[in-house]
Amino acid sequence: MSPAIRLANAGGAGAVLDLWRLAATVTTRTDDEASLRSLIARDPEALLLAEEEGALVGSVIAAFDGWRGTFFRLAVLPERRRSGIGQALVAAGERSLRERGATRITLYAIKAETGAEAFWLATDYAPDDRTARYVKNLEP
């Protein structure tokens, strides 16, 4: 059964955070309801959700800044992995980004996430050895 993919709304931010916790994704200081509501307000098409029989089973952020598309936070419930949900979310994200004008997609994958590298390689994404990620947390 293919999941239903839909856009998130600001009222569902808590459910998305619960999904991320259940999916055991690495959390960061921006994982809060206010940050998700801000994302949805700024880019209403960015947060895609996968549902099966009305239950939230996966999510991905497919953000577009007017220049490039970027995937963040692909998450699928552990018991629903390897059932096509991640691939369906990526395909929906790619379509959305293409429709919004993106010609390239970059993604962030946490190295500690078991299976992430194999998933992305199987989905035709390749590591870019020319780049490195640098992070600075800003104080509130």
C-alpha atoms as a PDB file:
ATOM      1  CA  MET A   1       0.000   0.000   0.000  1.00  0.00           C
ATOM      2  CA  SER A   2       1.367   3.406  -0.984  1.00  0.00           C
ATOM      3  CA  PRO A   3       1.229   6.092   1.681  1.00  0.00           C
ATOM      4  CA  ALA A   4      -0.800   9.240   1.165  1.00  0.00           C
ATOM      5  CA  ILE A   5       1.555  12.215   0.920  1.00  0.00           C
ATOM      6  CA  ARG A   6       0.281  15.612   2.032  1.00  0.00           C
ATOM      7  CA  LEU A   7       1.562  19.001   3.101  1.00  0.00           C
ATOM      8  CA  ALA A   8       1.908  19.664   6.816  1.00  0.00           C
ATOM      9  CA  ASN A   9       0.067  22.459   8.550  1.00  0.00           C
ATOM     10  CA  ALA A  10       1.201  24.484  11.548  1.00  0.00           C
ATOM     11  CA  GLY A  11      -1.294  22.745  13.835  1.00  0.00           C
ATOM     12  CA  GLY A  12       0.436  19.397  13.269  1.00  0.00           C
ATOM     13  CA  ALA A  13       3.907  20.454  14.428  1.00  0.00           C
ATOM     14  CA  GLY A  14       3.647  18.464  17.655  1.00  0.00           C
ATOM     15  CA  ALA A  15       2.777  15.274  15.766  1.00  0.00           C
ATOM     16  CA  VAL A  16       5.798  15.738  13.494  1.00  0.00           C
ATOM     17  CA  LEU A  17       8.093  16.146  16.502  1.00  0.00           C
ATOM     18  CA  ASP A  18       6.586  12.973  18.003  1.00  0.00           C
ATOM     19  CA  LEU A  19       7.273  11.145  14.723  1.00  0.00           C
ATOM     20  CA  TRP A  20      10.894  12.303  14.781  1.00  0.00           C
ATOM     21  CA  ARG A  21      11.313  11.045  18.343  1.00  0.00           C
ATOM     22  CA  LEU A  22       9.724   7.685  17.510  1.00  0.00           C
ATOM     23  CA  ALA A  23      11.877   7.417  14.389  1.00  0.00           C
ATOM     24  CA  ALA A  24      14.902   7.953  16.661  1.00  0.00           C
ATOM     25  CA  THR A  25      16.310  10.689  14.479  1.00  0.00           C
ATOM     26  CA  VAL A  26      19.068  12.804  15.963  1.00  0.00           C
ATOM     27  CA  THR A  27      17.445  15.913  17.404  1.00  0.00           C
ATOM     28  CA  THR A  28      18.835  19.426  17.312  1.00  0.00           C
ATOM     29  CA  ARG A  29      18.122  22.688  19.065  1.00  0.00           C
ATOM     30  CA  THR A  30      15.758  23.729  16.264  1.00  0.00           C
ATOM     31  CA  ASP A  31      13.432  20.776  16.813  1.00  0.00           C
ATOM     32  CA  ASP A  32      10.536  22.558  18.438  1.00  0.00           C
ATOM     33  CA  GLU A  33       7.010  23.543  17.486  1.00  0.00           C
ATOM     34  CA  ALA A  34       7.872  27.214  16.975  1.00  0.00           C
ATOM     35  CA  SER A  35      10.600  26.330  14.457  1.00  0.00           C
ATOM     36  CA  LEU A  36       8.298  24.006  12.509  1.00  0.00           C
ATOM     37  CA  ARG A  37       5.507  26.596  12.468  1.00  0.00           C
ATOM     38  CA  SER A  38       8.035  29.153  11.183  1.00  0.00           C
ATOM     39  CA  LEU A  39       9.152  26.778   8.411  1.00  0.00           C
ATOM     40  CA  ILE A  40       5.554  26.168   7.329  1.00  0.00           C
ATOM     41  CA  ALA A  41       4.770  29.906   7.373  1.00  0.00           C
ATOM     42  CA  ARG A  42       7.844  30.727   5.274  1.00  0.00           C
ATOM     43  CA  ASP A  43       7.667  27.768   2.882  1.00  0.00           C
ATOM     44  CA  PRO A  44       4.196  26.145   3.074  1.00  0.00           C
ATOM     45  CA  GLU A  45       5.184  23.443   0.580  1.00  0.00           C
ATOM     46  CA  ALA A  46       8.320  22.344   2.424  1.00  0.00           C
ATOM     47  CA  LEU A  47       7.143  19.812   4.995  1.00  0.00           C
ATOM     48  CA  LEU A  48       5.687  16.688   3.433  1.00  0.00           C
ATOM     49  CA  LEU A  49       3.991  14.018   5.516  1.00  0.00           C
ATOM     50  CA  ALA A  50       3.271  10.372   4.727  1.00  0.00           C
ATOM     51  CA  GLU A  51       0.167   8.795   6.219  1.00  0.00           C
ATOM     52  CA  GLU A  52      -1.252   5.295   6.194  1.00  0.00           C
ATOM     53  CA  GLU A  53      -4.844   4.858   7.314  1.00  0.00           C
ATOM     54  CA  GLY A  54      -4.723   8.342   8.826  1.00  0.00           C
ATOM     55  CA  ALA A  55      -1.611   7.650  10.913  1.00  0.00           C
ATOM     56  CA  LEU A  56       1.571   9.669  10.441  1.00  0.00           C
ATOM     57  CA  VAL A  57       4.351   7.303   9.350  1.00  0.00           C
ATOM     58  CA  GLY A  58       6.952   9.541   7.723  1.00  0.00           C
ATOM     59  CA  SER A  59       8.100  13.041   6.861  1.00  0.00           C
ATOM     60  CA  VAL A  60      10.631  14.970   4.830  1.00  0.00           C
ATOM     61  CA  ILE A  61      11.451  18.637   4.526  1.00  0.00           C
ATOM     62  CA  ALA A  62      11.861  19.618   0.870  1.00  0.00           C
ATOM     63  CA  ALA A  63      12.910  23.251   1.238  1.00  0.00           C
ATOM     64  CA  PHE A  64      13.417  25.676  -1.620  1.00  0.00           C
ATOM     65  CA  ASP A  65      15.225  28.978  -1.158  1.00  0.00           C
ATOM     66  CA  GLY A  66      14.652  30.191  -4.705  1.00  0.00           C
ATOM     67  CA  TRP A  67      18.016  28.851  -5.798  1.00  0.00           C
ATOM     68  CA  ARG A  68      18.412  25.232  -4.665  1.00  0.00           C
ATOM     69  CA  GLY A  69      16.299  22.513  -3.190  1.00  0.00           C
ATOM     70  CA  THR A  70      17.393  20.884   0.032  1.00  0.00           C
ATOM     71  CA  PHE A  71      16.155  17.772   1.800  1.00  0.00           C
ATOM     72  CA  PHE A  72      16.201  17.709   5.567  1.00  0.00           C
ATOM     73  CA  ARG A  73      14.793  15.330   8.136  1.00  0.00           C
ATOM     74  CA  LEU A  74      13.669  12.294   6.191  1.00  0.00           C
ATOM     75  CA  ALA A  75      12.078  10.197   8.932  1.00  0.00           C
ATOM     76  CA  VAL A  76      10.063   6.980   8.796  1.00  0.00           C
ATOM     77  CA  LEU A  77       8.748   4.998  11.738  1.00  0.00           C
ATOM     78  CA  PRO A  78      11.120   2.066  12.369  1.00  0.00           C
ATOM     79  CA  GLU A  79       8.406  -0.560  11.948  1.00  0.00           C
ATOM     80  CA  ARG A  80       7.410   0.924   8.556  1.00  0.00           C
ATOM     81  CA  ARG A  81      10.901   1.216   7.066  1.00  0.00           C
ATOM     82  CA  ARG A  82      11.777  -0.695   3.915  1.00  0.00           C
ATOM     83  CA  SER A  83       8.169  -0.486   2.739  1.00  0.00           C
ATOM     84  CA  GLY A  84       8.577   2.325   0.203  1.00  0.00           C
ATOM     85  CA  ILE A  85       7.547   5.242   2.445  1.00  0.00           C
ATOM     86  CA  GLY A  86      10.949   6.947   2.285  1.00  0.00           C
ATOM     87  CA  GLN A  87      11.080   6.531  -1.489  1.00  0.00           C
ATOM     88  CA  ALA A  88       7.552   7.926  -1.831  1.00  0.00           C
ATOM     89  CA  LEU A  89       8.480  10.960   0.277  1.00  0.00           C
ATOM     90  CA  VAL A  90      11.658  11.578  -1.737  1.00  0.00           C
ATOM     91  CA  ALA A  91       9.773  11.263  -5.038  1.00  0.00           C
ATOM     92  CA  ALA A  92       7.088  13.702  -3.814  1.00  0.00           C
ATOM     93  CA  GLY A  93       9.789  16.085  -2.578  1.00  0.00           C
ATOM     94  CA  GLU A  94      11.608  15.940  -5.903  1.00  0.00           C
ATOM     95  CA  ARG A  95       8.383  16.683  -7.805  1.00  0.00           C
ATOM     96  CA  SER A  96       7.572  19.590  -5.497  1.00  0.00           C
ATOM     97  CA  LEU A  97      11.062  21.066  -5.771  1.00  0.00           C
ATOM     98  CA  ARG A  98      11.110  20.680  -9.553  1.00  0.00           C
ATOM     99  CA  GLU A  99       7.702  22.420  -9.794  1.00  0.00           C
ATOM    100  CA  ARG A 100       9.011  25.289  -7.638  1.00  0.00           C
ATOM    101  CA  GLY A 101      12.028  25.785  -9.919  1.00  0.00           C
ATOM    102  CA  ALA A 102      14.825  23.765  -8.323  1.00  0.00           C
ATOM    103  CA  THR A 103      17.327  22.212 -10.716  1.00  0.00           C
ATOM    104  CA  ARG A 104      19.523  20.705  -8.018  1.00  0.00           C
ATOM    105  CA  ILE A 105      18.840  19.083  -4.665  1.00  0.00           C
ATOM    106  CA  THR A 106      21.265  18.905  -1.784  1.00  0.00           C
ATOM    107  CA  LEU A 107      20.566  16.891   1.321  1.00  0.00           C
ATOM    108  CA  TYR A 108      21.791  16.479   4.839  1.00  0.00           C
ATOM    109  CA  ALA A 109      22.082  12.971   6.248  1.00  0.00           C
ATOM    110  CA  ILE A 110      23.249  12.289   9.780  1.00  0.00           C
ATOM    111  CA  LYS A 111      26.152   9.839   9.692  1.00  0.00           C
ATOM    112  CA  ALA A 112      24.950   8.121  12.879  1.00  0.00           C
ATOM    113  CA  GLU A 113      21.593   7.258  11.275  1.00  0.00           C
ATOM    114  CA  THR A 114      21.742   3.561  10.498  1.00  0.00           C
ATOM    115  CA  GLY A 115      20.979   2.876   6.861  1.00  0.00           C
ATOM    116  CA  ALA A 116      20.901   6.519   5.742  1.00  0.00           C
ATOM    117  CA  GLU A 117      23.875   6.265   3.397  1.00  0.00           C
ATOM    118  CA  ALA A 118      22.599   3.064   1.778  1.00  0.00           C
ATOM    119  CA  PHE A 119      19.123   4.579   1.343  1.00  0.00           C
ATOM    120  CA  TRP A 120      20.398   7.731  -0.347  1.00  0.00           C
ATOM    121  CA  LEU A 121      22.784   5.811  -2.598  1.00  0.00           C
ATOM    122  CA  ALA A 122      19.912   3.524  -3.624  1.00  0.00           C
ATOM    123  CA  THR A 123      17.833   6.615  -4.405  1.00  0.00           C
ATOM    124  CA  ASP A 124      20.481   7.878  -6.873  1.00  0.00           C
ATOM    125  CA  TYR A 125      22.021  10.534  -4.610  1.00  0.00           C
ATOM    126  CA  ALA A 126      25.798  10.635  -4.436  1.00  0.00           C
ATOM    127  CA  PRO A 127      28.137  12.060  -1.826  1.00  0.00           C
ATOM    128  CA  ASP A 128      29.898  15.251  -2.845  1.00  0.00           C
ATOM    129  CA  ASP A 129      33.475  14.967  -1.622  1.00  0.00           C
ATOM    130  CA  ARG A 130      34.123  18.585  -2.608  1.00  0.00           C
ATOM    131  CA  THR A 131      32.036  19.951   0.246  1.00  0.00           C
ATOM    132  CA  ALA A 132      32.016  19.944   4.026  1.00  0.00           C
ATOM    133  CA  ARG A 133      29.332  21.147   6.392  1.00  0.00           C
ATOM    134  CA  TYR A 134      30.088  23.750   9.049  1.00  0.00           C
ATOM    135  CA  VAL A 135      27.623  24.690  11.797  1.00  0.00           C
ATOM    136  CA  LYS A 136      27.343  27.526  14.282  1.00  0.00           C
ATOM    137  CA  ASN A 137      24.489  27.659  16.778  1.00  0.00           C
ATOM    138  CA  LEU A 138      23.278  31.195  17.401  1.00  0.00           C
ATOM    139  CA  GLU A 139      22.253  32.164  20.876  1.00  0.00           C
ATOM    140  CA  PRO A 140      18.578  33.099  21.219  1.00  0.00           C
END
